[in-house]
């Protein structure tokens, strides 16, 4: 795994959102910074708590012109169910072939209950309007991710 660092150019990408529409990082950056957060699997406890936290601070993020992209390897239909059930008010993106996760360096070996497999590592990136990574967030718990995001953006 070769995770991107502060100052690196974020790989541009276009993925389908929970409504099946194609969304690109380049287009979103025309509105302001973008929070790109990677999460392993929709509708799991940790991912749900993390998404709910971001949902609940949407107004604060809007005031800062920050667009939120949650990226997982889930198919579009699963993202739609997750967004509907949790009343999510931001964009979820489907990266089924994990090409974008690979590009950001967050796809790699994991271990859970003695089982080894490849998957997404839970990291977040703030991408500035110049397309460069301004912050890498990797020290948070799912329940306080939204607080770490706001604190980081306030710096």
Protein backbone atom coordinates (compact mmCIF):
# COMPACT_ATOMS: atom_id res chain seq x y z
CA UNK A 1 0.00 0.00 0.00
CA UNK A 2 1.38 3.37 -1.04
CA UNK A 3 -0.96 5.90 0.61
CA UNK A 4 -1.00 9.44 -0.75
CA UNK A 5 0.44 12.18 1.42
CA UNK A 6 -0.12 15.89 1.97
CA UNK A 7 1.00 17.77 -1.14
CA UNK A 8 0.37 14.88 -3.53
CA UNK A 9 -1.96 15.46 -6.47
CA UNK A 10 -5.20 13.56 -5.91
CA UNK A 11 -5.99 11.21 -8.77
CA UNK A 12 -8.94 12.51 -10.73
CA UNK A 13 -11.80 10.04 -10.88
CA UNK A 14 -15.33 9.62 -12.11
CA UNK A 15 -17.59 7.15 -10.32
CA UNK A 16 -21.30 6.44 -10.07
CA UNK A 17 -23.13 7.82 -7.07
CA UNK A 18 -26.01 6.26 -5.14
CA UNK A 19 -28.43 7.52 -7.84
CA UNK A 20 -26.43 5.96 -10.67
CA UNK A 21 -25.14 9.35 -11.87
CA UNK A 22 -21.49 9.85 -12.81
CA UNK A 23 -19.66 12.24 -10.50
CA UNK A 24 -16.08 13.47 -10.88
CA UNK A 25 -13.58 14.88 -8.44
CA UNK A 26 -12.52 17.54 -10.95
CA UNK A 27 -16.08 18.87 -11.26
CA UNK A 28 -16.62 18.89 -7.49
CA UNK A 29 -13.41 20.87 -6.93
CA UNK A 30 -14.89 23.79 -8.88
CA UNK A 31 -17.16 24.38 -5.86
CA UNK A 32 -14.48 24.16 -3.16
CA UNK A 33 -12.49 21.53 -1.25
CA UNK A 34 -13.60 17.90 -1.26
CA UNK A 35 -13.54 15.46 1.64
CA UNK A 36 -12.86 12.04 0.13
CA UNK A 37 -13.44 9.41 2.77
CA UNK A 38 -13.00 5.70 2.21
CA UNK A 39 -15.02 3.19 4.18
CA UNK A 40 -15.10 -0.60 3.94
CA UNK A 41 -18.78 -1.52 3.63
CA UNK A 42 -22.14 0.24 3.65
CA UNK A 43 -24.63 -0.55 6.42
CA UNK A 44 -22.07 -2.01 8.83
CA UNK A 45 -22.03 -0.54 12.35
CA UNK A 46 -18.81 1.49 12.11
CA UNK A 47 -19.52 2.77 8.61
CA UNK A 48 -23.05 3.75 9.61
CA UNK A 49 -21.86 5.75 12.63
CA UNK A 50 -19.23 7.47 10.52
CA UNK A 51 -21.78 8.41 7.82
CA UNK A 52 -24.32 9.63 10.37
CA UNK A 53 -21.72 11.96 11.88
CA UNK A 54 -21.02 13.53 8.50
CA UNK A 55 -24.74 13.75 7.77
CA UNK A 56 -25.25 15.67 11.00
CA UNK A 57 -22.59 18.31 10.22
CA UNK A 58 -23.64 18.86 6.59
CA UNK A 59 -24.71 22.47 7.23
CA UNK A 60 -21.29 23.31 8.70
CA UNK A 61 -19.54 21.66 5.75
CA UNK A 62 -21.78 23.57 3.32
CA UNK A 63 -20.75 26.88 4.95
CA UNK A 64 -17.12 25.90 4.21
CA UNK A 65 -18.04 24.89 0.62
CA UNK A 66 -16.81 21.34 1.32
CA UNK A 67 -18.23 18.54 -0.81
CA UNK A 68 -18.28 15.07 0.79
CA UNK A 69 -17.59 11.91 -1.19
CA UNK A 70 -17.87 8.60 0.67
CA UNK A 71 -16.23 5.83 -1.36
CA UNK A 72 -16.60 2.08 -0.88
CA UNK A 73 -16.47 -1.01 -3.08
CA UNK A 74 -20.23 -1.48 -2.71
CA UNK A 75 -22.46 -1.57 -5.81
CA UNK A 76 -24.70 1.43 -6.57
CA UNK A 77 -27.89 -0.34 -5.43
CA UNK A 78 -26.43 -1.03 -1.98
CA UNK A 79 -25.29 2.59 -1.67
CA UNK A 80 -28.81 3.76 -2.54
CA UNK A 81 -30.32 1.60 0.20
CA UNK A 82 -27.71 2.82 2.72
CA UNK A 83 -28.27 6.48 1.83
CA UNK A 84 -32.06 6.11 2.02
CA UNK A 85 -32.10 4.18 5.29
CA UNK A 86 -29.72 6.62 7.01
CA UNK A 87 -31.12 9.78 5.34
CA UNK A 88 -27.63 10.63 4.10
CA UNK A 89 -27.33 14.08 2.56
CA UNK A 90 -24.01 13.71 0.78
CA UNK A 91 -22.60 11.69 -2.11
CA UNK A 92 -21.69 8.02 -1.85
CA UNK A 93 -19.61 6.60 -4.69
CA UNK A 94 -19.25 3.02 -5.92
CA UNK A 95 -15.66 1.85 -6.50
CA UNK A 96 -16.40 -1.83 -7.16
CA UNK A 97 -13.07 -2.53 -8.87
CA UNK A 98 -11.30 -0.49 -6.14
CA UNK A 99 -9.34 1.46 -8.80
CA UNK A 100 -9.85 4.77 -6.96
CA UNK A 101 -8.96 3.18 -3.62
CA UNK A 102 -5.79 1.84 -5.28
CA UNK A 103 -5.02 5.32 -6.63
CA UNK A 104 -5.26 6.86 -3.17
CA UNK A 105 -3.30 3.95 -1.67
CA UNK A 106 -6.02 2.76 0.68
CA UNK A 107 -6.61 -0.73 -0.77
CA UNK A 108 -4.42 -3.40 0.77
CA UNK A 109 -3.97 -6.30 3.15
CA UNK A 110 -6.19 -6.45 6.22
CA UNK A 111 -6.82 -8.92 8.99
CA UNK A 112 -10.01 -9.56 10.92
CA UNK A 113 -10.51 -12.37 13.41
CA UNK A 114 -7.47 -14.21 12.06
CA UNK A 115 -8.62 -13.98 8.45
CA UNK A 116 -6.35 -12.22 5.94
CA UNK A 117 -7.87 -10.44 2.94
CA UNK A 118 -7.53 -7.29 0.82
CA UNK A 119 -9.87 -4.38 1.46
CA UNK A 120 -10.26 -0.67 2.02
CA UNK A 121 -8.42 0.96 4.88
CA UNK A 122 -10.51 3.66 6.57
CA UNK A 123 -8.76 6.91 5.67
CA UNK A 124 -9.95 10.36 4.67
CA UNK A 125 -8.37 12.99 2.46
CA UNK A 126 -9.16 16.66 2.10
CA UNK A 127 -8.44 17.74 -1.45
CA UNK A 128 -7.93 21.45 -2.03
CA UNK A 129 -9.27 23.31 -5.06
CA UNK A 130 -5.78 23.01 -6.58
CA UNK A 131 -6.26 19.22 -6.67
CA UNK A 132 -3.59 18.62 -4.04
CA UNK A 133 -4.14 16.74 -0.81
CA UNK A 134 -4.14 19.26 2.02
CA UNK A 135 -4.81 16.79 4.86
CA UNK A 136 -4.72 13.04 5.42
CA UNK A 137 -6.94 11.91 8.29
CA UNK A 138 -5.99 8.53 9.70
CA UNK A 139 -6.20 8.98 13.46
CA UNK A 140 -9.88 8.89 14.33
CA UNK A 141 -12.61 6.58 15.50
CA UNK A 142 -15.75 6.21 13.41
CA UNK A 143 -17.82 7.95 16.10
CA UNK A 144 -15.64 11.10 16.10
CA UNK A 145 -14.58 11.24 12.43
CA UNK A 146 -16.88 14.21 11.77
CA UNK A 147 -15.34 16.14 14.69
CA UNK A 148 -11.82 15.47 13.36
CA UNK A 149 -12.94 16.69 9.92
CA UNK A 150 -14.31 19.96 11.33
CA UNK A 151 -11.26 20.55 13.53
CA UNK A 152 -8.94 19.93 10.57
CA UNK A 153 -10.88 22.26 8.30
CA UNK A 154 -10.73 25.00 10.96
CA UNK A 155 -6.90 24.93 10.96
